[in-house]
Amino acid sequence: MDDPTAMAEHMASRLAQYKGNDVRDRNIECDSTFAGCLIRAGRYIPDRMQRYSAQPEFFLDRSEILEIFGYWDPNQQRPVNGDSWLPSVEEWYLVERLLEYRLHREDKKEELNPRLAELSRYLLQH
């Protein structure tokens, strides 16, 4: 955590892990995180809160991307859908929560989504 560049490089290497060719062999944890990065890089929020939001245009569910590519939900034993629970790479989840906590403490919570978008673009470029 003391070296943000090293942390970002580690996360990028986790996202780049080989996935099998069969849809059931793919690493849904890494690919779900990758889908979240794509959503963040486009300045959307990877969440299913669009169902409850007054501004649904800000939100996009990761399942929407994985469903397009025919991912398999091992929990439901069927293709990924809007009811799928999609895990994230633990380091990404931790970084999101720490950054959110820090910006809330500094009363800069409006910077969270632009900062996460910037981090996502960095990870996708490396």
N, C-alpha and C. Protein backbone atom coordinates (compact mmCIF):
# COMPACT_ATOMS: atom_id res chain seq x y z
N MET A 1 0.82 -1.21 0.00
CA MET A 1 0.00 0.00 0.00
C MET A 1 0.86 1.27 0.00
N ASP A 2 2.14 1.14 0.35
CA ASP A 2 3.02 2.32 0.35
C ASP A 2 3.51 2.67 -1.05
N ASP A 3 3.32 1.76 -2.02
CA ASP A 3 3.81 1.99 -3.38
C ASP A 3 2.65 1.83 -4.36
N PRO A 4 1.93 2.91 -4.68
CA PRO A 4 0.75 2.81 -5.55
C PRO A 4 1.06 2.23 -6.93
N THR A 5 2.24 2.55 -7.47
CA THR A 5 2.59 2.02 -8.79
C THR A 5 2.76 0.51 -8.74
N ALA A 6 3.43 0.02 -7.71
CA ALA A 6 3.61 -1.43 -7.56
C ALA A 6 2.26 -2.12 -7.36
N MET A 7 1.37 -1.50 -6.59
CA MET A 7 0.04 -2.07 -6.38
C MET A 7 -0.71 -2.15 -7.70
N ALA A 8 -0.67 -1.07 -8.49
CA ALA A 8 -1.37 -1.06 -9.78
C ALA A 8 -0.79 -2.12 -10.72
N GLU A 9 0.54 -2.27 -10.73
CA GLU A 9 1.17 -3.29 -11.58
C GLU A 9 0.78 -4.69 -11.14
N HIS A 10 0.69 -4.90 -9.84
CA HIS A 10 0.26 -6.21 -9.33
C HIS A 10 -1.17 -6.50 -9.74
N MET A 11 -2.04 -5.51 -9.61
CA MET A 11 -3.45 -5.71 -10.00
C MET A 11 -3.56 -5.97 -11.49
N ALA A 12 -2.78 -5.24 -12.30
CA ALA A 12 -2.81 -5.45 -13.75
C ALA A 12 -2.36 -6.86 -14.11
N SER A 13 -1.34 -7.36 -13.40
CA SER A 13 -0.86 -8.72 -13.68
C SER A 13 -1.91 -9.76 -13.30
N ARG A 14 -2.67 -9.50 -12.23
CA ARG A 14 -3.75 -10.41 -11.85
C ARG A 14 -4.85 -10.43 -12.90
N LEU A 15 -5.15 -9.25 -13.46
CA LEU A 15 -6.20 -9.17 -14.48
C LEU A 15 -5.78 -9.86 -15.77
N ALA A 16 -4.48 -9.95 -15.99
CA ALA A 16 -3.97 -10.52 -17.25
C ALA A 16 -3.74 -12.03 -17.19
N GLN A 17 -4.15 -12.68 -16.12
CA GLN A 17 -3.94 -14.12 -16.00
C GLN A 17 -4.66 -14.87 -17.12
N TYR A 18 -4.06 -15.97 -17.56
CA TYR A 18 -4.64 -16.78 -18.64
C TYR A 18 -5.99 -17.36 -18.23
N LYS A 19 -6.92 -17.29 -19.14
CA LYS A 19 -8.22 -17.91 -18.93
C LYS A 19 -8.38 -19.05 -19.92
N GLY A 20 -9.05 -20.10 -19.55
CA GLY A 20 -9.25 -21.22 -20.46
C GLY A 20 -10.14 -20.83 -21.63
N ASN A 21 -10.14 -21.68 -22.64
CA ASN A 21 -10.94 -21.40 -23.84
C ASN A 21 -12.42 -21.71 -23.63
N ASP A 22 -12.71 -22.67 -22.78
CA ASP A 22 -14.10 -23.01 -22.51
C ASP A 22 -14.70 -21.98 -21.56
N VAL A 23 -15.93 -21.56 -21.83
CA VAL A 23 -16.55 -20.52 -21.01
C VAL A 23 -16.62 -20.92 -19.54
N ARG A 24 -16.69 -22.23 -19.26
CA ARG A 24 -16.78 -22.69 -17.87
C ARG A 24 -15.42 -22.69 -17.17
N ASP A 25 -14.34 -22.55 -17.94
CA ASP A 25 -13.00 -22.55 -17.37
C ASP A 25 -12.47 -21.14 -17.13
N ARG A 26 -13.15 -20.15 -17.61
CA ARG A 26 -12.64 -18.79 -17.48
C ARG A 26 -12.59 -18.37 -16.02
N ASN A 27 -11.68 -17.47 -15.73
CA ASN A 27 -11.52 -16.97 -14.37
C ASN A 27 -12.52 -15.83 -14.17
N ILE A 28 -13.70 -16.17 -13.67
CA ILE A 28 -14.77 -15.17 -13.57
C ILE A 28 -14.41 -14.07 -12.58
N GLU A 29 -13.58 -14.37 -11.58
CA GLU A 29 -13.17 -13.34 -10.63
C GLU A 29 -12.38 -12.25 -11.34
N CYS A 30 -11.35 -12.63 -12.09
CA CYS A 30 -10.53 -11.64 -12.80
C CYS A 30 -11.33 -10.96 -13.90
N ASP A 31 -12.11 -11.74 -14.65
CA ASP A 31 -12.84 -11.15 -15.76
C ASP A 31 -13.97 -10.24 -15.29
N SER A 32 -14.54 -10.55 -14.14
CA SER A 32 -15.56 -9.67 -13.57
C SER A 32 -14.92 -8.34 -13.16
N THR A 33 -13.72 -8.43 -12.59
CA THR A 33 -13.00 -7.21 -12.22
C THR A 33 -12.63 -6.42 -13.47
N PHE A 34 -12.20 -7.14 -14.51
CA PHE A 34 -11.85 -6.50 -15.78
C PHE A 34 -13.07 -5.77 -16.35
N ALA A 35 -14.24 -6.42 -16.29
CA ALA A 35 -15.47 -5.78 -16.77
C ALA A 35 -15.77 -4.52 -15.96
N GLY A 36 -15.54 -4.60 -14.63
CA GLY A 36 -15.72 -3.42 -13.78
C GLY A 36 -14.77 -2.30 -14.15
N CYS A 37 -13.52 -2.66 -14.50
CA CYS A 37 -12.54 -1.64 -14.93
C CYS A 37 -13.00 -0.97 -16.22
N LEU A 38 -13.51 -1.76 -17.16
CA LEU A 38 -14.00 -1.18 -18.41
C LEU A 38 -15.13 -0.19 -18.13
N ILE A 39 -16.03 -0.58 -17.23
CA ILE A 39 -17.15 0.29 -16.87
C ILE A 39 -16.65 1.57 -16.22
N ARG A 40 -15.72 1.43 -15.26
CA ARG A 40 -15.15 2.60 -14.58
C ARG A 40 -14.40 3.50 -15.56
N ALA A 41 -13.63 2.88 -16.47
CA ALA A 41 -12.85 3.67 -17.42
C ALA A 41 -13.76 4.54 -18.28
N GLY A 42 -14.97 4.07 -18.52
CA GLY A 42 -15.94 4.86 -19.28
C GLY A 42 -16.73 5.82 -18.42
N ARG A 43 -16.33 5.96 -17.16
CA ARG A 43 -16.95 6.87 -16.18
C ARG A 43 -18.35 6.45 -15.76
N TYR A 44 -18.65 5.16 -15.91
CA TYR A 44 -19.88 4.62 -15.34
C TYR A 44 -19.55 4.00 -13.99
N ILE A 45 -20.56 3.55 -13.27
CA ILE A 45 -20.37 2.92 -11.97
C ILE A 45 -20.80 1.46 -12.11
N PRO A 46 -19.88 0.51 -11.83
CA PRO A 46 -20.22 -0.91 -12.01
C PRO A 46 -21.05 -1.47 -10.85
N ASP A 47 -22.34 -1.27 -10.94
CA ASP A 47 -23.22 -1.64 -9.84
C ASP A 47 -24.60 -1.90 -10.40
N ARG A 48 -25.40 -2.65 -9.65
CA ARG A 48 -26.77 -2.83 -10.12
C ARG A 48 -27.72 -1.82 -9.48
N MET A 49 -27.17 -0.72 -9.01
CA MET A 49 -28.00 0.30 -8.36
C MET A 49 -28.88 1.05 -9.35
N GLN A 50 -28.67 0.82 -10.66
CA GLN A 50 -29.50 1.52 -11.63
C GLN A 50 -30.98 1.21 -11.41
N ARG A 51 -31.24 0.07 -10.77
CA ARG A 51 -32.63 -0.28 -10.50
C ARG A 51 -33.28 0.68 -9.50
N TYR A 52 -32.44 1.32 -8.69
CA TYR A 52 -32.96 2.16 -7.60
C TYR A 52 -32.57 3.63 -7.75
N SER A 53 -31.80 3.95 -8.76
CA SER A 53 -31.24 5.29 -8.88
C SER A 53 -32.17 6.22 -9.65
N ALA A 54 -32.10 7.49 -9.25
CA ALA A 54 -32.81 8.52 -10.01
C ALA A 54 -32.04 8.86 -11.29
N GLN A 55 -30.78 8.43 -11.36
CA GLN A 55 -29.93 8.68 -12.53
C GLN A 55 -29.35 7.36 -13.04
N PRO A 56 -30.17 6.49 -13.63
CA PRO A 56 -29.71 5.17 -14.03
C PRO A 56 -28.63 5.21 -15.11
N GLU A 57 -28.51 6.32 -15.81
CA GLU A 57 -27.50 6.40 -16.87
C GLU A 57 -26.08 6.36 -16.33
N PHE A 58 -25.88 6.55 -15.03
CA PHE A 58 -24.55 6.51 -14.44
C PHE A 58 -24.09 5.09 -14.13
N PHE A 59 -25.02 4.14 -14.11
CA PHE A 59 -24.72 2.81 -13.61
C PHE A 59 -24.78 1.76 -14.72
N LEU A 60 -23.88 0.77 -14.63
CA LEU A 60 -23.87 -0.35 -15.57
C LEU A 60 -23.45 -1.58 -14.78
N ASP A 61 -24.20 -2.65 -14.89
CA ASP A 61 -23.90 -3.87 -14.15
C ASP A 61 -22.85 -4.68 -14.90
N ARG A 62 -21.89 -5.22 -14.19
CA ARG A 62 -20.86 -6.05 -14.81
C ARG A 62 -21.46 -7.26 -15.50
N SER A 63 -22.60 -7.73 -15.00
CA SER A 63 -23.23 -8.90 -15.61
C SER A 63 -23.65 -8.61 -17.05
N GLU A 64 -23.94 -7.34 -17.35
CA GLU A 64 -24.35 -6.99 -18.70
C GLU A 64 -23.23 -7.26 -19.70
N ILE A 65 -21.99 -6.98 -19.30
CA ILE A 65 -20.84 -7.24 -20.18
C ILE A 65 -20.57 -8.73 -20.26
N LEU A 66 -20.52 -9.41 -19.11
CA LEU A 66 -20.20 -10.83 -19.10
C LEU A 66 -21.30 -11.65 -19.77
N GLU A 67 -22.53 -11.20 -19.68
CA GLU A 67 -23.64 -11.90 -20.34
C GLU A 67 -23.47 -11.86 -21.86
N ILE A 68 -23.01 -10.73 -22.38
CA ILE A 68 -22.79 -10.58 -23.82
C ILE A 68 -21.79 -11.61 -24.32
N PHE A 69 -20.75 -11.88 -23.50
CA PHE A 69 -19.70 -12.82 -23.90
C PHE A 69 -20.00 -14.26 -23.47
N GLY A 70 -21.19 -14.50 -22.96
CA GLY A 70 -21.62 -15.87 -22.67
C GLY A 70 -20.95 -16.51 -21.47
N TYR A 71 -20.63 -15.72 -20.46
CA TYR A 71 -19.99 -16.30 -19.27
C TYR A 71 -20.94 -17.20 -18.51
N TRP A 72 -20.36 -18.17 -17.84
CA TRP A 72 -21.09 -19.17 -17.07
C TRP A 72 -21.05 -18.80 -15.60
N ASP A 73 -22.20 -18.79 -14.95
CA ASP A 73 -22.29 -18.52 -13.52
C ASP A 73 -22.21 -19.85 -12.79
N PRO A 74 -21.08 -20.14 -12.12
CA PRO A 74 -20.94 -21.44 -11.45
C PRO A 74 -21.91 -21.62 -10.29
N ASN A 75 -22.37 -20.53 -9.68
CA ASN A 75 -23.30 -20.64 -8.56
C ASN A 75 -24.70 -21.04 -9.01
N GLN A 76 -25.15 -20.45 -10.10
CA GLN A 76 -26.49 -20.74 -10.59
C GLN A 76 -26.52 -21.89 -11.60
N GLN A 77 -25.32 -22.32 -12.04
CA GLN A 77 -25.21 -23.37 -13.06
C GLN A 77 -25.98 -23.00 -14.33
N ARG A 78 -25.80 -21.75 -14.73
CA ARG A 78 -26.38 -21.27 -15.98
C ARG A 78 -25.61 -20.01 -16.39
N PRO A 79 -25.87 -19.50 -17.59
CA PRO A 79 -25.11 -18.31 -18.02
C PRO A 79 -25.31 -17.13 -17.06
N VAL A 80 -24.30 -16.26 -17.02
CA VAL A 80 -24.37 -15.05 -16.20
C VAL A 80 -25.60 -14.25 -16.61
N ASN A 81 -26.28 -13.69 -15.62
CA ASN A 81 -27.48 -12.90 -15.86
C ASN A 81 -27.57 -11.82 -14.79
N GLY A 82 -28.64 -11.07 -14.82
CA GLY A 82 -28.80 -9.95 -13.89
C GLY A 82 -28.84 -10.35 -12.43
N ASP A 83 -29.07 -11.62 -12.14
CA ASP A 83 -29.12 -12.09 -10.75
C ASP A 83 -27.81 -12.70 -10.29
N SER A 84 -26.80 -12.72 -11.15
CA SER A 84 -25.51 -13.34 -10.80
C SER A 84 -24.78 -12.50 -9.76
N TRP A 85 -24.12 -13.20 -8.84
CA TRP A 85 -23.22 -12.53 -7.89
C TRP A 85 -21.83 -12.65 -8.47
N LEU A 86 -21.20 -11.51 -8.79
CA LEU A 86 -19.91 -11.52 -9.47
C LEU A 86 -18.82 -11.02 -8.54
N PRO A 87 -17.86 -11.86 -8.22
CA PRO A 87 -16.78 -11.45 -7.32
C PRO A 87 -15.81 -10.50 -8.01
N SER A 88 -15.02 -9.81 -7.22
CA SER A 88 -13.96 -8.95 -7.74
C SER A 88 -12.63 -9.41 -7.17
N VAL A 89 -11.55 -9.13 -7.90
CA VAL A 89 -10.22 -9.41 -7.37
C VAL A 89 -10.09 -8.64 -6.07
N GLU A 90 -9.64 -9.32 -5.02
CA GLU A 90 -9.64 -8.72 -3.68
C GLU A 90 -8.88 -7.41 -3.60
N GLU A 91 -7.75 -7.32 -4.32
CA GLU A 91 -6.96 -6.09 -4.25
C GLU A 91 -7.73 -4.90 -4.79
N TRP A 92 -8.50 -5.13 -5.87
CA TRP A 92 -9.27 -4.03 -6.45
C TRP A 92 -10.34 -3.56 -5.47
N TYR A 93 -11.02 -4.50 -4.87
CA TYR A 93 -12.06 -4.17 -3.90
C TYR A 93 -11.46 -3.36 -2.74
N LEU A 94 -10.29 -3.79 -2.27
CA LEU A 94 -9.62 -3.10 -1.16
C LEU A 94 -9.24 -1.68 -1.55
N VAL A 95 -8.67 -1.51 -2.74
CA VAL A 95 -8.26 -0.18 -3.19
C VAL A 95 -9.48 0.73 -3.31
N GLU A 96 -10.57 0.22 -3.87
CA GLU A 96 -11.81 1.01 -3.98
C GLU A 96 -12.29 1.49 -2.61
N ARG A 97 -12.33 0.56 -1.64
CA ARG A 97 -12.83 0.91 -0.31
C ARG A 97 -11.90 1.90 0.40
N LEU A 98 -10.58 1.70 0.28
CA LEU A 98 -9.64 2.62 0.93
C LEU A 98 -9.71 4.02 0.33
N LEU A 99 -9.79 4.07 -1.00
CA LEU A 99 -9.89 5.38 -1.66
C LEU A 99 -11.20 6.07 -1.29
N GLU A 100 -12.28 5.29 -1.24
CA GLU A 100 -13.57 5.84 -0.85
C GLU A 100 -13.52 6.39 0.58
N TYR A 101 -12.92 5.62 1.48
CA TYR A 101 -12.80 6.05 2.88
C TYR A 101 -11.97 7.33 2.99
N ARG A 102 -10.83 7.37 2.28
CA ARG A 102 -9.96 8.53 2.35
C ARG A 102 -10.64 9.79 1.82
N LEU A 103 -11.31 9.67 0.67
CA LEU A 103 -11.95 10.84 0.08
C LEU A 103 -13.14 11.31 0.90
N HIS A 104 -13.85 10.39 1.54
CA HIS A 104 -14.95 10.79 2.42
C HIS A 104 -14.42 11.54 3.63
N ARG A 105 -13.31 11.08 4.17
CA ARG A 105 -12.71 11.76 5.34
C ARG A 105 -12.24 13.16 4.98
N GLU A 106 -11.74 13.32 3.73
CA GLU A 106 -11.25 14.62 3.28
C GLU A 106 -12.37 15.47 2.70
N ASP A 107 -13.61 14.98 2.80
CA ASP A 107 -14.78 15.68 2.27
C ASP A 107 -14.62 15.95 0.77
N LYS A 108 -14.11 14.94 0.05
CA LYS A 108 -13.91 15.03 -1.40
C LYS A 108 -14.58 13.86 -2.10
N LYS A 109 -15.73 13.42 -1.59
CA LYS A 109 -16.36 12.21 -2.12
C LYS A 109 -16.75 12.35 -3.58
N GLU A 110 -16.94 13.58 -4.07
CA GLU A 110 -17.28 13.75 -5.48
C GLU A 110 -16.11 13.39 -6.40
N GLU A 111 -14.90 13.27 -5.84
CA GLU A 111 -13.72 12.89 -6.64
C GLU A 111 -13.59 11.38 -6.81
N LEU A 112 -14.40 10.59 -6.08
CA LEU A 112 -14.22 9.13 -6.09
C LEU A 112 -14.35 8.54 -7.49
N ASN A 113 -15.45 8.80 -8.18
CA ASN A 113 -15.65 8.17 -9.48
C ASN A 113 -14.62 8.62 -10.52
N PRO A 114 -14.27 9.92 -10.61
CA PRO A 114 -13.20 10.30 -11.54
C PRO A 114 -11.85 9.66 -11.20
N ARG A 115 -11.52 9.52 -9.92
CA ARG A 115 -10.26 8.89 -9.53
C ARG A 115 -10.25 7.40 -9.88
N LEU A 116 -11.38 6.72 -9.63
CA LEU A 116 -11.47 5.30 -9.97
C LEU A 116 -11.45 5.11 -11.48
N ALA A 117 -12.04 6.04 -12.23
CA ALA A 117 -11.98 5.98 -13.70
C ALA A 117 -10.54 6.12 -14.18
N GLU A 118 -9.80 7.03 -13.56
CA GLU A 118 -8.40 7.24 -13.92
C GLU A 118 -7.57 5.99 -13.61
N LEU A 119 -7.78 5.41 -12.44
CA LEU A 119 -7.07 4.18 -12.06
C LEU A 119 -7.42 3.04 -13.02
N SER A 120 -8.69 2.92 -13.39
CA SER A 120 -9.11 1.86 -14.30
C SER A 120 -8.45 2.01 -15.67
N ARG A 121 -8.39 3.24 -16.17
CA ARG A 121 -7.74 3.46 -17.47
C ARG A 121 -6.26 3.10 -17.38
N TYR A 122 -5.62 3.44 -16.25
CA TYR A 122 -4.21 3.10 -16.07
C TYR A 122 -4.01 1.58 -16.09
N LEU A 123 -4.85 0.87 -15.36
CA LEU A 123 -4.73 -0.60 -15.31
C LEU A 123 -4.96 -1.21 -16.69
N LEU A 124 -5.92 -0.72 -17.43
CA LEU A 124 -6.22 -1.28 -18.74
C LEU A 124 -5.11 -0.99 -19.75
N GLN A 125 -4.37 0.08 -19.55
CA GLN A 125 -3.27 0.42 -20.46
C GLN A 125 -2.01 -0.38 -20.15
N HIS A 126 -1.94 -0.96 -18.96
CA HIS A 126 -0.73 -1.69 -18.57
C HIS A 126 -1.07 -3.15 -18.46
